[in-house]
Amino acid sequence: MTIEKKFVADGVRKVRVEQYLNKELKRAGYGGMDIVRTPVGTQVTIFAEKPGIVIGKGGSEIEKVKAELQKLTDKKLIVDIKEV
């Protein structure tokens, strides 16, 4: 895969993740995300006004979000939530 194709594929993947999070986390006051690719995997930082809603009772919501994001990315996923 050429560098250009990899760059485009990463951009498309980022847009898909952004659309999914925007739809799923609207109630939590979703304020954006940041994706950092590391040698270990991909780190996604989610910014939300109400991080408790993102995490959910007992971490149930964040596990659901992680599972969906894992389908959209190909590497190990690390999810972090920050309050805006």
C-alpha atoms as a PDB file:
ATOM      1  CA  MET A   1       0.000   0.000   0.000  1.00  0.00           C
ATOM      2  CA  THR A   2       1.418   3.368  -0.967  1.00  0.00           C
ATOM      3  CA  ILE A   3       1.746   6.216   1.486  1.00  0.00           C
ATOM      4  CA  GLU A   4      -1.040   8.152  -0.253  1.00  0.00           C
ATOM      5  CA  LYS A   5      -3.480   5.236  -0.017  1.00  0.00           C
ATOM      6  CA  LYS A   6      -2.607   4.713   3.653  1.00  0.00           C
ATOM      7  CA  PHE A   7      -3.142   8.413   4.362  1.00  0.00           C
ATOM      8  CA  VAL A   8      -6.549   8.379   2.639  1.00  0.00           C
ATOM      9  CA  ALA A   9      -7.573   5.170   4.431  1.00  0.00           C
ATOM     10  CA  ASP A  10      -6.633   6.721   7.792  1.00  0.00           C
ATOM     11  CA  GLY A  11      -8.680   9.823   6.946  1.00  0.00           C
ATOM     12  CA  VAL A  12     -11.728   7.766   6.002  1.00  0.00           C
ATOM     13  CA  ARG A  13     -11.385   5.733   9.199  1.00  0.00           C
ATOM     14  CA  LYS A  14     -11.176   8.925  11.278  1.00  0.00           C
ATOM     15  CA  VAL A  15     -14.331  10.328   9.656  1.00  0.00           C
ATOM     16  CA  ARG A  16     -16.240   7.087  10.337  1.00  0.00           C
ATOM     17  CA  VAL A  17     -15.182   7.138  13.996  1.00  0.00           C
ATOM     18  CA  GLU A  18     -16.153  10.831  14.286  1.00  0.00           C
ATOM     19  CA  GLN A  19     -19.598  10.191  12.764  1.00  0.00           C
ATOM     20  CA  TYR A  20     -20.240   7.209  15.042  1.00  0.00           C
ATOM     21  CA  LEU A  21     -19.222   9.083  18.203  1.00  0.00           C
ATOM     22  CA  ASN A  22     -21.208  12.171  17.209  1.00  0.00           C
ATOM     23  CA  LYS A  23     -24.342  10.043  16.782  1.00  0.00           C
ATOM     24  CA  GLU A  24     -23.899   7.833  19.863  1.00  0.00           C
ATOM     25  CA  LEU A  25     -22.688  10.439  22.370  1.00  0.00           C
ATOM     26  CA  LYS A  26     -24.960  13.362  21.559  1.00  0.00           C
ATOM     27  CA  ARG A  27     -26.637  13.132  25.012  1.00  0.00           C
ATOM     28  CA  ALA A  28     -23.253  13.321  26.740  1.00  0.00           C
ATOM     29  CA  GLY A  29     -22.382  16.647  25.109  1.00  0.00           C
ATOM     30  CA  TYR A  30     -19.841  15.164  22.718  1.00  0.00           C
ATOM     31  CA  GLY A  31     -17.169  17.773  21.991  1.00  0.00           C
ATOM     32  CA  GLY A  32     -14.821  15.996  19.619  1.00  0.00           C
ATOM     33  CA  MET A  33     -12.065  13.419  19.680  1.00  0.00           C
ATOM     34  CA  ASP A  34      -8.382  13.017  19.121  1.00  0.00           C
ATOM     35  CA  ILE A  35      -6.765   9.958  17.542  1.00  0.00           C
ATOM     36  CA  VAL A  36      -3.106   9.144  18.167  1.00  0.00           C
ATOM     37  CA  ARG A  37      -1.482   6.151  16.547  1.00  0.00           C
ATOM     38  CA  THR A  38       1.136   4.526  18.733  1.00  0.00           C
ATOM     39  CA  PRO A  39       3.342   1.483  18.150  1.00  0.00           C
ATOM     40  CA  VAL A  40       1.167  -0.453  20.628  1.00  0.00           C
ATOM     41  CA  GLY A  41      -2.164   0.506  19.050  1.00  0.00           C
ATOM     42  CA  THR A  42      -4.534   3.413  18.538  1.00  0.00           C
ATOM     43  CA  GLN A  43      -5.428   5.822  21.339  1.00  0.00           C
ATOM     44  CA  VAL A  44      -8.775   7.603  21.039  1.00  0.00           C
ATOM     45  CA  THR A  45      -9.434  10.492  23.426  1.00  0.00           C
ATOM     46  CA  ILE A  46     -13.114  11.449  23.635  1.00  0.00           C
ATOM     47  CA  PHE A  47     -14.034  14.929  24.863  1.00  0.00           C
ATOM     48  CA  ALA A  48     -17.486  15.237  26.453  1.00  0.00           C
ATOM     49  CA  GLU A  49     -19.327  17.614  28.777  1.00  0.00           C
ATOM     50  CA  LYS A  50     -20.749  14.695  30.766  1.00  0.00           C
ATOM     51  CA  PRO A  51     -18.171  11.898  30.855  1.00  0.00           C
ATOM     52  CA  GLY A  52     -20.331   9.899  33.278  1.00  0.00           C
ATOM     53  CA  ILE A  53     -22.894   9.336  30.534  1.00  0.00           C
ATOM     54  CA  VAL A  54     -20.151   8.149  28.175  1.00  0.00           C
ATOM     55  CA  ILE A  55     -18.857   5.673  30.747  1.00  0.00           C
ATOM     56  CA  GLY A  56     -22.311   4.492  31.837  1.00  0.00           C
ATOM     57  CA  LYS A  57     -23.297   2.499  34.888  1.00  0.00           C
ATOM     58  CA  GLY A  58     -20.509   0.075  35.708  1.00  0.00           C
ATOM     59  CA  GLY A  59     -18.682   0.959  32.474  1.00  0.00           C
ATOM     60  CA  SER A  60     -21.328  -0.647  30.280  1.00  0.00           C
ATOM     61  CA  GLU A  61     -21.641   2.212  27.781  1.00  0.00           C
ATOM     62  CA  ILE A  62     -17.900   2.644  27.259  1.00  0.00           C
ATOM     63  CA  GLU A  63     -17.533  -1.087  26.610  1.00  0.00           C
ATOM     64  CA  LYS A  64     -20.209  -0.860  23.921  1.00  0.00           C
ATOM     65  CA  VAL A  65     -18.474   2.167  22.370  1.00  0.00           C
ATOM     66  CA  LYS A  66     -15.083   0.371  22.494  1.00  0.00           C
ATOM     67  CA  ALA A  67     -16.537  -2.669  20.743  1.00  0.00           C
ATOM     68  CA  GLU A  68     -17.951  -0.538  17.915  1.00  0.00           C
ATOM     69  CA  LEU A  69     -14.743   1.486  17.560  1.00  0.00           C
ATOM     70  CA  GLN A  70     -12.711  -1.732  17.441  1.00  0.00           C
ATOM     71  CA  LYS A  71     -14.712  -2.730  14.360  1.00  0.00           C
ATOM     72  CA  LEU A  72     -13.780   0.585  12.701  1.00  0.00           C
ATOM     73  CA  THR A  73     -10.063   0.406  13.523  1.00  0.00           C
ATOM     74  CA  ASP A  74      -7.622  -2.396  12.855  1.00  0.00           C
ATOM     75  CA  LYS A  75      -5.216  -2.093  15.787  1.00  0.00           C
ATOM     76  CA  LYS A  76      -5.478  -2.478  19.549  1.00  0.00           C
ATOM     77  CA  LEU A  77      -7.695   0.297  20.896  1.00  0.00           C
ATOM     78  CA  ILE A  78      -7.149   2.456  23.964  1.00  0.00           C
ATOM     79  CA  VAL A  79     -10.040   4.789  24.855  1.00  0.00           C
ATOM     80  CA  ASP A  80      -9.653   7.783  27.170  1.00  0.00           C
ATOM     81  CA  ILE A  81     -12.431  10.179  28.186  1.00  0.00           C
ATOM     82  CA  LYS A  82     -11.812  13.827  29.102  1.00  0.00           C
ATOM     83  CA  GLU A  83     -14.270  16.377  30.414  1.00  0.00           C
ATOM     84  CA  VAL A  84     -14.654  19.563  28.357  1.00  0.00           C
END
